[in-house]
Amino acid sequence: MKHLSKVLSLFLASYFFILVSATAQRPPNVVVIFADDLGYGDTSCYGATKVRTPHIDQLASEGRRFTDAHAASAVCTPSRYCLLTGEYAFRDDHWAPVFLKVGLIVDPNQTTVADVMKRSGYITACIGKWHLGFGEETPDWNGELKPGPLELGFDYYFGMPVVNSHPPFVYVENHHVVGIDPSDPFVYDEVADTPIHLEKMGINQIGGAKAAHAIYDDTYVGTTLAGIAVSWIKENKDDPFFLYFATTNIHHPFTPHPRFQGTSEAGRYGDFIHELDWIVGEVTRTLEDEGLAENTLVVFTSDNGGMINLGGQEAWKQGHNQNGDLLGFKFDAWEGGHRVPFIARWPGKIPAGTVSDQLVSNVDLVATLAALTDQELNDDEGPDSYNILPALTSDPKTQIRDHLVLAAFRETHLSLRDGDWMYIPAQAGGGFSSPELRTHGFGGFPAVDFAGQKNSDMENGNIKPEAPKEQLYNLRKDFRQANNVIRDHPEIAEALKRRLDEIREANGTRL
């Protein structure tokens, strides 16, 4: 009996050792939370005082916060293209948002970040805003939405098919609109049966599909997507997983759940940030509750800078500066258009409570996650993506990136960051430029003037007649971009112009 007991004890000890070893060797889960239009100054850990973001702040206190992180494009659709493919969107001529009738803009044969994770054995999901098109030429909203996320390496998709400001105002799950009824199809050029909100557009572009539209309520989109993300994590917790969670917060229209309305000091813009912070908290709490937090890399960032739309203007009047002290707004080549929050947490791997000034970008996720999973990329995979894993987990003494190409809304403003220098080959920001306050397209120097920002090329909200045709800033000395010094350093501008031209002609930049 004693012998049997001893054998049983040895067996249980061996089994426990194998179980612990297997758990310890399990690859880390990866969760990328990609916020929408969240500016550099939109969270309290980046300096905001009119909103409170305790869950995002906790991520920063438990991980690493980056101060020189950028979306490779200041525009939503091309920024997502960069993240998924590791390729600058300008190489495939993508500059602007895509809408209702646009097919998938990513070639299904192109390697994506989801492909990288799948070939390493991960279960993959995209939840939230897609905004990269469906179908070969145009989406079939009444039928099969293919190709789409599932043809780009994701095992599962649920979310907003375009953007919460534009139709169709429905959810899509995998290849079909949720709740679509063949007897009640979508009909172009009819008014949709959907709630009306300020800065919600195109309601008359596609109607019908009343059952599908009825499922979608703007004020519950954030909480709905959070619930789907939480459920997916729980269902897939036993295997390594990769979750790309692209929130609709804080893109207009600003429609926070009733529990968040009136909770900030920055109007509905700020309330929407509070809802986003809660969403982040739901994800991190689930990881903790399921015992996954210690072995999960969480990356939190944004697709571009904050926008000075109607909600943004009201928030600014209340003292909330969505891009902090940075010049410009979403769509611009100026820093406010593309410098964004970027936080990474991985307990035991990323030093807690640290801050990094490494130059990093969302285009770098493909190469970074390939390195995380011990994969070598082919030359045509993630051609503009750099492995920034050392910037997450250690403390490199030199910059991993010596340059970064940054795209604005206008092709004329494709710009180059090189060390401390930022070169913009045109005047103004290259984004929205309406001079009219209280309009959706408000931007450019009129918006800069409204925000009380300074720039040497501007006078009374207009560009000076004698202003240079191009721009050059030393960001180490002048991160606010108050002084265009191109006339003081024409040789630097010329060298950067040549390098930018070379990059545009090349097939990639990854070393």
Protein backbone atom coordinates (compact mmCIF):
# COMPACT_ATOMS: atom_id res chain seq x y z
CA MET A 1 0.00 0.00 0.00
CA LYS A 2 2.86 2.34 0.87
CA HIS A 3 4.50 1.44 -2.45
CA LEU A 4 1.29 2.26 -4.33
CA SER A 5 0.98 5.55 -2.47
CA LYS A 6 4.58 6.43 -3.33
CA VAL A 7 4.04 5.60 -7.01
CA LEU A 8 0.87 7.69 -7.05
CA SER A 9 2.67 10.62 -5.41
CA LEU A 10 5.47 10.44 -7.97
CA PHE A 11 2.95 10.29 -10.78
CA LEU A 12 1.05 13.32 -9.50
CA ALA A 13 4.30 15.27 -9.00
CA SER A 14 5.44 14.43 -12.52
CA TYR A 15 2.07 15.36 -13.94
CA PHE A 16 2.10 18.65 -12.05
CA PHE A 17 5.64 19.38 -13.31
CA ILE A 18 4.62 18.66 -16.91
CA LEU A 19 1.50 20.81 -16.51
CA VAL A 20 3.44 23.75 -15.06
CA SER A 21 6.18 23.41 -17.68
CA ALA A 22 3.65 23.36 -20.50
CA THR A 23 1.95 26.45 -19.07
CA ALA A 24 5.27 28.24 -18.67
CA GLN A 25 6.24 27.45 -22.24
CA ARG A 26 2.94 28.49 -23.75
CA PRO A 27 3.43 31.40 -26.14
CA PRO A 28 2.09 34.73 -24.86
CA ASN A 29 -1.37 35.84 -25.87
CA VAL A 30 -1.49 39.18 -27.67
CA VAL A 31 -4.24 41.78 -27.41
CA VAL A 32 -4.01 44.93 -29.54
CA ILE A 33 -6.56 47.59 -28.59
CA PHE A 34 -6.70 50.07 -31.45
CA ALA A 35 -8.68 53.16 -30.42
CA ASP A 36 -10.24 55.48 -32.97
CA ASP A 37 -9.27 59.19 -33.12
CA LEU A 38 -7.78 59.15 -29.62
CA GLY A 39 -5.31 62.01 -29.45
CA TYR A 40 -1.99 62.36 -27.63
CA GLY A 41 -3.66 64.43 -24.90
CA ASP A 42 -6.87 62.42 -24.53
CA THR A 43 -5.88 60.30 -21.51
CA SER A 44 -4.83 61.35 -18.04
CA CYS A 45 -1.55 59.43 -18.19
CA TYR A 46 -0.64 61.66 -21.15
CA GLY A 47 -1.66 64.86 -19.37
CA ALA A 48 -5.44 65.25 -19.73
CA THR A 49 -7.16 66.95 -16.79
CA LYS A 50 -10.80 67.13 -17.92
CA VAL A 51 -11.19 63.37 -18.28
CA ARG A 52 -10.18 60.43 -16.08
CA THR A 53 -8.80 57.22 -17.55
CA PRO A 54 -7.89 54.96 -14.59
CA HIS A 55 -7.79 51.71 -16.58
CA ILE A 56 -5.57 53.11 -19.33
CA ASP A 57 -3.42 54.75 -16.65
CA GLN A 58 -3.10 51.39 -14.91
CA LEU A 59 -1.86 49.82 -18.14
CA ALA A 60 0.83 52.52 -18.22
CA SER A 61 1.76 52.04 -14.57
CA GLU A 62 2.08 48.29 -15.10
CA GLY A 63 3.88 48.59 -18.42
CA ARG A 64 5.66 51.08 -20.65
CA ARG A 65 4.34 54.36 -22.04
CA PHE A 66 5.83 55.73 -25.26
CA THR A 67 6.17 59.46 -25.90
CA ASP A 68 7.27 59.33 -29.55
CA ALA A 69 4.81 56.84 -31.06
CA HIS A 70 3.04 57.52 -34.34
CA ALA A 71 0.32 56.20 -36.56
CA ALA A 72 1.98 55.85 -39.98
CA SER A 73 -1.01 57.69 -41.43
CA ALA A 74 -3.07 60.48 -39.89
CA VAL A 75 -6.17 58.96 -41.55
CA CYS A 76 -8.25 56.04 -40.28
CA THR A 77 -8.35 53.61 -43.24
CA PRO A 78 -4.70 53.86 -44.36
CA SER A 79 -3.59 53.71 -40.73
CA ARG A 80 -5.38 50.35 -40.37
CA TYR A 81 -3.81 49.18 -43.61
CA CYS A 82 -0.36 49.98 -42.15
CA LEU A 83 -1.05 48.11 -38.91
CA LEU A 84 -2.39 44.98 -40.59
CA THR A 85 0.14 44.69 -43.41
CA GLY A 86 3.32 46.29 -42.08
CA GLU A 87 3.44 48.25 -45.32
CA TYR A 88 3.05 51.99 -45.77
CA ALA A 89 -0.40 52.60 -47.26
CA PHE A 90 0.94 55.10 -49.77
CA ARG A 91 2.65 52.22 -51.61
CA ASP A 92 -0.79 50.99 -52.65
CA ASP A 93 -2.10 54.55 -53.14
CA HIS A 94 -4.34 54.64 -50.04
CA TRP A 95 -4.75 58.12 -48.56
CA ALA A 96 -8.39 58.55 -47.58
CA PRO A 97 -11.17 56.72 -45.70
CA VAL A 98 -13.19 54.13 -47.62
CA PHE A 99 -16.96 53.97 -47.42
CA LEU A 100 -20.12 52.11 -48.36
CA LYS A 101 -19.36 50.79 -51.85
CA VAL A 102 -15.62 50.05 -51.62
CA GLY A 103 -14.26 46.52 -51.88
CA LEU A 104 -11.48 45.07 -49.73
CA ILE A 105 -8.36 47.21 -50.21
CA VAL A 106 -5.91 44.62 -48.83
CA ASP A 107 -4.82 41.88 -51.21
CA PRO A 108 -5.75 38.52 -49.62
CA ASN A 109 -2.38 37.19 -50.82
CA GLN A 110 -0.57 39.81 -48.77
CA THR A 111 0.77 38.69 -45.39
CA THR A 112 -1.01 40.35 -42.49
CA VAL A 113 -0.33 40.47 -38.78
CA ALA A 114 -3.10 37.88 -38.35
CA ASP A 115 -1.37 35.57 -40.85
CA VAL A 116 1.85 35.90 -38.87
CA MET A 117 0.09 34.83 -35.69
CA LYS A 118 -1.90 32.01 -37.30
CA ARG A 119 1.16 30.31 -38.73
CA SER A 120 2.56 30.25 -35.21
CA GLY A 121 -0.51 28.37 -33.99
CA TYR A 122 -2.58 31.25 -32.62
CA ILE A 123 -6.35 31.59 -32.73
CA THR A 124 -7.09 35.02 -34.20
CA ALA A 125 -9.97 37.47 -34.06
CA CYS A 126 -10.82 40.96 -35.22
CA ILE A 127 -13.53 42.65 -33.18
CA GLY A 128 -14.75 46.19 -33.80
CA LYS A 129 -14.26 48.69 -36.58
CA TRP A 130 -13.03 47.22 -39.87
CA HIS A 131 -13.02 50.12 -42.36
CA LEU A 132 -10.96 48.35 -45.03
CA GLY A 133 -13.74 47.33 -47.39
CA PHE A 134 -15.48 44.04 -48.23
CA GLY A 135 -15.73 42.06 -51.44
CA GLU A 136 -13.63 41.98 -54.57
CA GLU A 137 -15.06 45.13 -56.10
CA THR A 138 -17.91 46.27 -53.89
CA PRO A 139 -19.65 44.80 -50.81
CA ASP A 140 -22.73 42.62 -51.22
CA TRP A 141 -24.54 43.78 -48.11
CA ASN A 142 -27.42 41.39 -48.82
CA GLY A 143 -25.18 38.39 -49.36
CA GLU A 144 -21.69 37.11 -48.59
CA LEU A 145 -19.16 39.77 -47.58
CA LYS A 146 -16.14 38.04 -49.00
CA PRO A 147 -13.23 38.61 -49.10
CA GLY A 148 -12.97 40.34 -45.75
CA PRO A 149 -11.25 39.82 -42.40
CA LEU A 150 -11.49 36.02 -42.61
CA GLU A 151 -9.51 36.05 -45.85
CA LEU A 152 -6.77 38.08 -44.16
CA GLY A 153 -5.91 35.60 -41.43
CA PHE A 154 -8.63 36.13 -38.85
CA ASP A 155 -10.60 33.13 -37.60
CA TYR A 156 -13.45 35.32 -36.37
CA TYR A 157 -14.83 38.79 -37.03
CA PHE A 158 -17.60 40.80 -35.38
CA GLY A 159 -18.04 44.52 -35.61
CA MET A 160 -18.81 47.74 -37.40
CA PRO A 161 -18.15 47.18 -41.11
CA VAL A 162 -17.21 50.73 -42.11
CA VAL A 163 -17.17 53.49 -39.49
CA ASN A 164 -19.74 54.55 -36.91
CA SER A 165 -20.29 57.88 -38.68
CA HIS A 166 -21.19 56.33 -42.05
CA PRO A 167 -23.50 53.57 -43.35
CA PRO A 168 -24.44 50.84 -43.16
CA PHE A 169 -25.35 51.16 -39.49
CA VAL A 170 -25.35 47.43 -38.76
CA TYR A 171 -23.07 44.74 -37.36
CA VAL A 172 -21.25 42.16 -39.43
CA GLU A 173 -20.27 38.74 -38.12
CA ASN A 174 -17.79 36.81 -40.24
CA HIS A 175 -19.20 37.01 -43.80
CA HIS A 176 -22.73 38.34 -43.21
CA VAL A 177 -24.65 41.28 -41.81
CA VAL A 178 -26.13 40.32 -38.45
CA GLY A 179 -29.92 39.96 -38.69
CA ILE A 180 -30.15 40.25 -42.47
CA ASP A 181 -33.49 39.01 -43.78
CA PRO A 182 -33.72 38.05 -47.49
CA SER A 183 -37.29 39.30 -47.55
CA ASP A 184 -36.15 42.73 -46.32
CA PRO A 185 -32.92 43.52 -48.18
CA PHE A 186 -30.75 46.61 -48.15
CA VAL A 187 -31.78 49.20 -50.74
CA TYR A 188 -29.46 51.94 -51.96
CA ASP A 189 -30.67 55.57 -51.90
CA GLU A 190 -33.25 54.98 -49.21
CA VAL A 191 -33.29 56.44 -45.71
CA ALA A 192 -32.13 53.98 -43.07
CA ASP A 193 -34.27 53.32 -40.03
CA THR A 194 -31.54 54.26 -37.56
CA PRO A 195 -31.21 56.80 -34.74
CA ILE A 196 -30.17 60.35 -35.60
CA HIS A 197 -27.09 61.87 -33.97
CA LEU A 198 -24.96 64.94 -34.54
CA GLU A 199 -22.12 64.10 -37.00
CA LYS A 200 -23.76 60.83 -38.04
CA MET A 201 -23.77 60.99 -41.84
CA GLY A 202 -25.14 59.32 -44.97
CA ILE A 203 -28.35 58.02 -43.44
CA ASN A 204 -30.06 58.34 -46.84
CA GLN A 205 -27.40 56.32 -48.71
CA ILE A 206 -28.73 52.84 -47.94
CA GLY A 207 -31.93 51.78 -46.23
CA GLY A 208 -34.13 48.73 -45.98
CA ALA A 209 -32.90 45.81 -43.84
CA LYS A 210 -34.98 47.00 -40.90
CA ALA A 211 -34.27 43.95 -38.77
CA ALA A 212 -30.52 44.39 -39.19
CA HIS A 213 -30.70 48.11 -38.53
CA ALA A 214 -32.83 47.51 -35.43
CA ILE A 215 -30.01 45.52 -33.79
CA TYR A 216 -27.65 48.49 -34.05
CA ASP A 217 -28.04 51.32 -31.52
CA ASP A 218 -25.24 53.89 -31.47
CA THR A 219 -25.31 54.37 -27.70
CA TYR A 220 -24.70 50.67 -27.10
CA VAL A 221 -22.02 49.97 -29.72
CA GLY A 222 -19.09 50.37 -27.32
CA THR A 223 -20.58 48.15 -24.63
CA THR A 224 -21.69 45.59 -27.23
CA LEU A 225 -18.21 45.28 -28.72
CA ALA A 226 -16.68 45.05 -25.26
CA GLY A 227 -19.03 42.18 -24.43
CA ILE A 228 -18.12 40.33 -27.63
CA ALA A 229 -14.40 40.78 -26.92
CA VAL A 230 -14.75 39.53 -23.35
CA SER A 231 -16.76 36.49 -24.45
CA TRP A 232 -14.24 35.65 -27.17
CA ILE A 233 -11.32 35.78 -24.72
CA LYS A 234 -13.14 33.46 -22.32
CA GLU A 235 -14.04 31.02 -25.09
CA ASN A 236 -10.47 30.84 -26.38
CA LYS A 237 -8.48 31.08 -23.16
CA ASP A 238 -7.13 27.52 -23.40
CA ASP A 239 -5.09 28.25 -26.55
CA PRO A 240 -2.69 31.03 -27.52
CA PHE A 241 -4.76 33.82 -29.02
CA PHE A 242 -4.35 37.08 -30.89
CA LEU A 243 -7.12 39.66 -30.54
CA TYR A 244 -7.18 42.81 -32.66
CA PHE A 245 -9.83 44.92 -30.92
CA ALA A 246 -10.53 48.09 -32.93
CA THR A 247 -12.91 50.24 -30.93
CA THR A 248 -15.29 52.76 -32.44
CA ASN A 249 -14.55 55.06 -29.50
CA ILE A 250 -13.86 57.93 -29.77
CA HIS A 251 -14.82 58.55 -33.40
CA HIS A 252 -17.83 60.80 -34.01
CA PRO A 253 -20.76 60.67 -33.48
CA PHE A 254 -20.11 60.88 -29.75
CA THR A 255 -22.69 58.46 -28.41
CA PRO A 256 -21.59 57.12 -25.02
CA HIS A 257 -23.73 54.61 -23.15
CA PRO A 258 -26.10 56.38 -20.72
CA ARG A 259 -23.97 55.30 -17.74
CA PHE A 260 -21.11 57.49 -19.03
CA GLN A 261 -23.10 60.52 -20.14
CA GLY A 262 -22.25 63.62 -18.13
CA THR A 263 -19.34 61.97 -16.31
CA SER A 264 -16.50 64.08 -17.75
CA GLU A 265 -15.67 67.76 -17.89
CA ALA A 266 -15.30 67.70 -21.67
CA GLY A 267 -18.85 67.09 -22.91
CA ARG A 268 -19.78 63.99 -24.85
CA TYR A 269 -16.29 63.89 -26.32
CA GLY A 270 -14.92 63.34 -22.83
CA ASP A 271 -17.76 60.99 -21.89
CA PHE A 272 -16.84 58.84 -24.90
CA ILE A 273 -13.27 58.69 -23.60
CA HIS A 274 -14.63 57.49 -20.26
CA GLU A 275 -16.49 54.72 -22.06
CA LEU A 276 -13.29 53.78 -23.92
CA ASP A 277 -11.44 53.59 -20.63
CA TRP A 278 -14.15 51.28 -19.26
CA ILE A 279 -13.82 49.10 -22.38
CA VAL A 280 -10.07 48.78 -21.75
CA GLY A 281 -10.86 47.89 -18.15
CA GLU A 282 -13.28 45.17 -19.22
CA VAL A 283 -10.57 43.54 -21.33
CA THR A 284 -7.84 43.76 -18.69
CA ARG A 285 -10.20 42.59 -15.93
CA THR A 286 -11.15 39.55 -18.00
CA LEU A 287 -7.48 38.71 -18.53
CA GLU A 288 -6.96 38.90 -14.77
CA ASP A 289 -10.08 36.90 -13.91
CA GLU A 290 -9.16 34.13 -16.36
CA GLY A 291 -5.57 33.91 -15.12
CA LEU A 292 -4.20 35.17 -18.44
CA ALA A 293 -2.76 38.57 -17.56
CA GLU A 294 0.75 37.37 -16.69
CA ASN A 295 1.16 35.74 -20.08
CA THR A 296 -0.49 38.35 -22.29
CA LEU A 297 1.09 41.23 -24.16
CA VAL A 298 -1.39 44.09 -24.31
CA VAL A 299 -0.75 46.96 -26.72
CA PHE A 300 -2.95 50.04 -26.56
CA THR A 301 -2.69 52.76 -29.20
CA SER A 302 -4.73 54.88 -31.64
CA ASP A 303 -5.21 55.06 -35.40
CA ASN A 304 -4.44 58.80 -35.60
CA GLY A 305 -4.57 62.01 -33.59
CA GLY A 306 -7.61 63.73 -32.18
CA MET A 307 -9.99 65.58 -34.50
CA ILE A 308 -11.25 69.15 -34.12
CA ASN A 309 -14.75 68.19 -35.30
CA LEU A 310 -17.90 69.59 -33.68
CA GLY A 311 -17.48 67.50 -30.56
CA GLY A 312 -13.78 68.24 -30.47
CA GLN A 313 -14.42 71.97 -30.72
CA GLU A 314 -16.81 71.86 -27.78
CA ALA A 315 -14.34 69.82 -25.73
CA TRP A 316 -11.57 72.32 -26.52
CA LYS A 317 -13.76 75.20 -25.35
CA GLN A 318 -14.13 73.36 -22.05
CA GLY A 319 -10.37 73.16 -21.63
CA HIS A 320 -9.64 69.72 -23.06
CA ASN A 321 -6.73 69.67 -25.53
CA GLN A 322 -7.09 66.39 -27.42
CA ASN A 323 -3.55 66.45 -28.77
CA GLY A 324 -1.93 68.14 -25.81
CA ASP A 325 0.62 70.75 -26.88
CA LEU A 326 1.09 69.25 -30.35
CA LEU A 327 0.36 71.28 -33.48
CA GLY A 328 -2.62 70.29 -35.60
CA PHE A 329 -5.25 67.57 -35.61
CA LYS A 330 -6.34 64.36 -37.32
CA PHE A 331 -5.54 64.30 -41.07
CA ASP A 332 -2.55 66.64 -40.64
CA ALA A 333 1.15 66.01 -41.28
CA TRP A 334 1.81 68.08 -38.17
CA GLU A 335 2.45 66.12 -34.96
CA GLY A 336 -1.12 66.39 -33.71
CA GLY A 337 -2.26 64.36 -36.70
CA HIS A 338 -0.25 61.24 -36.02
CA ARG A 339 1.63 61.27 -32.69
CA VAL A 340 -0.54 59.05 -30.50
CA PRO A 341 -0.68 57.24 -27.16
CA PHE A 342 1.13 53.91 -27.21
CA ILE A 343 1.24 51.70 -24.12
CA ALA A 344 2.49 48.12 -23.82
CA ARG A 345 2.08 45.79 -20.83
CA TRP A 346 3.50 42.30 -20.38
CA PRO A 347 4.14 41.48 -16.72
CA GLY A 348 7.65 40.26 -16.04
CA LYS A 349 8.78 41.10 -19.57
CA ILE A 350 8.07 44.82 -19.90
CA PRO A 351 9.39 46.84 -16.94
CA ALA A 352 6.47 48.37 -15.05
CA GLY A 353 6.02 52.11 -14.80
CA THR A 354 8.58 52.96 -17.46
CA VAL A 355 8.55 55.62 -20.16
CA SER A 356 10.33 55.38 -23.51
CA ASP A 357 11.23 57.97 -26.13
CA GLN A 358 11.90 55.34 -28.81
CA LEU A 359 10.45 56.23 -32.21
CA VAL A 360 7.78 53.56 -32.87
CA SER A 361 4.75 53.14 -35.09
CA ASN A 362 1.69 50.96 -35.62
CA VAL A 363 3.28 49.79 -38.90
CA ASP A 364 5.83 47.96 -36.71
CA LEU A 365 3.43 45.38 -35.27
CA VAL A 366 3.93 42.83 -38.05
CA ALA A 367 7.70 42.56 -37.57
CA THR A 368 7.43 42.84 -33.80
CA LEU A 369 4.94 39.99 -33.44
CA ALA A 370 6.94 37.92 -35.92
CA ALA A 371 9.93 38.35 -33.60
CA LEU A 372 7.77 37.56 -30.57
CA THR A 373 6.84 34.22 -32.18
CA ASP A 374 10.38 33.48 -33.46
CA GLN A 375 9.53 33.92 -37.13
CA GLU A 376 11.64 35.27 -39.97
CA LEU A 377 9.74 37.47 -42.41
CA ASN A 378 10.26 37.21 -46.14
CA ASP A 379 11.38 40.36 -47.93
CA ASP A 380 7.87 41.04 -49.21
CA GLU A 381 6.25 40.60 -45.77
CA GLY A 382 5.85 43.71 -43.65
CA PRO A 383 8.28 45.62 -45.88
CA ASP A 384 8.10 48.82 -43.79
CA SER A 385 7.73 47.14 -40.39
CA TYR A 386 10.54 47.23 -37.82
CA ASN A 387 10.97 44.86 -34.91
CA ILE A 388 10.45 47.10 -31.88
CA LEU A 389 10.27 44.23 -29.37
CA PRO A 390 13.54 45.40 -27.77
CA ALA A 391 11.92 48.82 -27.25
CA LEU A 392 9.12 47.09 -25.35
CA THR A 393 11.08 44.68 -23.19
CA SER A 394 14.51 46.25 -22.74
CA ASP A 395 16.17 49.66 -22.92
CA PRO A 396 18.01 50.15 -26.23
CA LYS A 397 20.61 52.91 -26.01
CA THR A 398 20.08 53.91 -29.64
CA GLN A 399 16.96 54.34 -31.72
CA ILE A 400 15.73 51.19 -33.45
CA ARG A 401 14.19 53.39 -36.10
CA ASP A 402 16.24 56.23 -37.56
CA HIS A 403 13.31 57.43 -39.67
CA LEU A 404 9.58 57.08 -40.26
CA VAL A 405 7.37 58.08 -43.20
CA LEU A 406 4.18 59.81 -42.12
CA ALA A 407 1.16 60.30 -44.36
CA ALA A 408 -1.45 63.03 -44.16
CA PHE A 409 -4.83 63.18 -45.88
CA ARG A 410 -3.30 64.88 -48.93
CA GLU A 411 -0.68 63.07 -50.98
CA THR A 412 1.24 66.35 -51.30
CA HIS A 413 2.05 66.14 -47.59
CA LEU A 414 3.73 62.73 -47.38
CA SER A 415 6.42 63.60 -44.86
CA LEU A 416 9.61 62.24 -43.35
CA ARG A 417 10.72 62.03 -39.75
CA ASP A 418 14.49 61.57 -39.58
CA GLY A 419 16.07 61.66 -36.14
CA ASP A 420 15.12 64.98 -34.56
CA TRP A 421 13.98 66.44 -37.89
CA MET A 422 10.52 66.50 -39.44
CA TYR A 423 10.27 67.45 -43.12
CA ILE A 424 6.90 68.34 -44.71
CA PRO A 425 7.13 69.01 -48.48
CA ALA A 426 4.24 71.50 -48.66
CA GLN A 427 2.52 74.31 -46.78
CA ALA A 428 0.09 73.92 -43.86
CA GLY A 429 -1.05 70.58 -42.45
CA GLY A 430 -2.42 68.72 -45.45
CA GLY A 431 -5.63 67.77 -43.68
CA PHE A 432 -9.07 69.34 -43.35
CA SER A 433 -8.96 73.09 -43.93
CA SER A 434 -12.43 74.64 -43.66
CA PRO A 435 -12.11 78.12 -42.10
CA GLU A 436 -15.61 77.93 -40.65
CA LEU A 437 -15.93 77.19 -36.95
CA ARG A 438 -18.80 74.83 -36.08
CA THR A 439 -18.27 72.86 -39.28
CA HIS A 440 -17.17 69.25 -39.49
CA GLY A 441 -14.30 70.04 -41.86
CA PHE A 442 -12.76 72.75 -39.68
CA GLY A 443 -8.99 72.50 -39.81
CA GLY A 444 -5.67 73.85 -41.01
CA PHE A 445 -4.41 77.23 -39.84
CA PRO A 446 -7.93 78.42 -38.87
CA ALA A 447 -8.14 75.51 -36.39
CA VAL A 448 -4.57 76.13 -35.20
CA ASP A 449 -5.51 79.75 -34.50
CA PHE A 450 -8.74 78.72 -32.76
CA ALA A 451 -6.73 76.40 -30.51
CA GLY A 452 -4.32 79.18 -29.59
CA GLN A 453 -1.38 77.37 -31.17
CA LYS A 454 1.52 79.21 -32.77
CA ASN A 455 3.34 78.65 -36.04
CA SER A 456 5.77 80.95 -37.80
CA ASP A 457 4.02 80.43 -41.17
CA MET A 458 0.69 81.68 -39.78
CA GLU A 459 -0.80 85.10 -39.17
CA ASN A 460 -4.37 85.62 -37.91
CA GLY A 461 -5.34 82.09 -38.89
CA ASN A 462 -4.04 82.41 -42.44
CA ILE A 463 -0.82 81.40 -44.10
CA LYS A 464 1.60 84.29 -44.56
CA PRO A 465 2.13 85.29 -48.20
CA GLU A 466 5.89 85.02 -47.72
CA ALA A 467 5.77 81.65 -45.96
CA PRO A 468 8.12 78.96 -47.32
CA LYS A 469 6.68 76.35 -49.66
CA GLU A 470 7.95 73.51 -47.45
CA GLN A 471 8.44 72.94 -43.73
CA LEU A 472 11.26 71.74 -41.49
CA TYR A 473 11.14 71.37 -37.72
CA ASN A 474 13.65 70.26 -35.10
CA LEU A 475 11.37 68.32 -32.77
CA ARG A 476 13.95 68.00 -30.01
CA LYS A 477 14.13 71.79 -29.72
CA ASP A 478 10.59 72.58 -30.89
CA PHE A 479 8.13 69.72 -30.39
CA ARG A 480 5.25 72.22 -30.67
CA GLN A 481 6.39 73.00 -34.24
CA ALA A 482 6.15 76.72 -33.63
CA ASN A 483 9.07 77.60 -35.90
CA ASN A 484 9.55 76.47 -39.48
CA VAL A 485 13.37 76.59 -39.81
CA ILE A 486 13.68 75.46 -43.41
CA ARG A 487 15.30 78.71 -44.48
CA ASP A 488 17.95 78.27 -41.79
CA HIS A 489 18.76 74.68 -42.84
CA PRO A 490 18.08 74.29 -46.58
CA GLU A 491 20.75 71.60 -46.88
CA ILE A 492 19.00 69.40 -44.29
CA ALA A 493 15.66 69.85 -46.02
CA GLU A 494 17.18 68.94 -49.37
CA ALA A 495 18.78 65.79 -47.95
CA LEU A 496 15.50 64.72 -46.37
CA LYS A 497 13.63 65.40 -49.59
CA ARG A 498 16.02 63.13 -51.48
CA ARG A 499 15.66 60.40 -48.87
CA LEU A 500 11.87 60.63 -48.99
CA ASP A 501 11.95 60.31 -52.78
CA GLU A 502 14.17 57.23 -52.48
CA ILE A 503 11.80 55.63 -49.98
CA ARG A 504 8.81 56.27 -52.23
CA GLU A 505 10.56 54.50 -55.09
CA ALA A 506 11.77 51.56 -53.01
CA ASN A 507 9.77 48.41 -52.27
CA GLY A 508 10.30 48.70 -48.55
CA THR A 509 12.40 50.12 -45.73
CA ARG A 510 12.72 47.28 -43.22
CA LEU A 511 16.34 46.42 -42.41
